Amino acid sequence: MNHSRTHLTSPYMEYAKLHSPAKYSLASSGIQPMTLSELGATLDDLEINGGAPYGYPALQNRIADYCGVPPDCVVPAIGTSMANHLAMAACFDPGEDVLIEEPTYEPLLSTARFLAANIVRFRRPADESFGVDVREIERVITPRTRLIALCNLHNPTSAFIDDATLAQVGELATSVRARVLVDEVYLEAIESRPKTSFLLGNEFVVTSSLTKGYGLSGLRCGWILAEPELARRMWAIYDVFAGHNPYPAEALSMVAFDHISRVRARAQRILDANRPVMNTFLRERCDLECDIPEFGTCAAPRLKSGSVEELDNLLRQKYETAIVPGRFFEMPEHFRVGIGASPEMTREAFVRLAAALDEYGGAL
């Protein structure tokens, strides 16, 4: 097996950083960023130095309380992406089997490749609303499997996996001494936030953050939930990457948790204003097909005819509007739209997307 990491990149992250901005953007899957004043923080809340060698105890306890788990099961991380990296690194060795949902968020695949996993796929079928079919996992799981990785809510479709299904996945994992990694970052966008799947059993490893659901991506406040022995392994792996997390970000994350109800209410006001706009748009478009999600910050309609890449180019060049092409999620006929931006901008962006679709459809 070739374990070379030469020229390994994340095409989606490069796209998101360099190419996704536009005047009218539906490309972001997160809530509009909060300002320092909106958060209610001041310079008095900040210090340059602080924390502790293995986790700032106050923040560790805050995350634990928020998730309803013991503090020794929490490993803070710089965003969900680093959380996924640490979790994967602790759960398998190079060459071991990792089952990853298909379609999925590209950085999950890139991370598994970087860690030299033997990647095996299981389908989340479009004709089943991208739900998890346990029989699909049962079809590919073997005694060589060490990790099953999935997103809940699914990125980019926002499909939800219920606890009963997750419990079945956990049973399959336990039968071969594997673990289940669940990226739960989009669950933060649900008003009545479900309990974390980590509570289903020690075979579960969960990642999340304050980034997507709360508009706090600048804090990079992410975390991993894992049974204590595995959590200690993650701390040791993190030593390879950095001494500790930036203390000013940890201090501001404490402020965020102090005001989490208000932060959540702001996010819900944005989603409550934008979701009807997206849903009406999707229901009215005969040229699109989409299972309209009940929760989350995004959806992934399928363009029934033509090229998503051509539509994307038209949108950018003539309508100053951004979407995310589905190629970054192994869904080339689809594109992702997000509803976390300001209601005024979001309404205008959907008007422009409709105009571009009308123009593009008329040219086919």
Foldseek 3Di string as FASTA:
>chain_A
DDLDCPPQDQVVVVCVVPPFDFPQEQADQFAAADDCVLLVDDCVLFDQDDADQQGRVVLLVLVCVVQVHDSLQKHKDQALLRVLLLLVLLQDAAAFEEEEEPQAFRSNVSSCSNRNHPYDYFYQDVVNVSEDDVVSVVVPDDLRYAEYEAEALGPPARDHYDLVRVLSVLVSQVVSNHAYEYEDAQLLQDLPRDRDSVVSDQSYKYKYACPGNQNHSVLSTIMIGHPNVSSVVSSVVCVVVDSDDRRRSSSSVVSCSVCVVVSNVVQVVQCVLQLVLVVVLQVPDPQWDFDRDPTGFKRKIFGNDDFPVVLQVCCCPPVRYGWAACVSRVRRRIIMGGRNYHSVSSNSNSVSSVVSVVVVVVVD
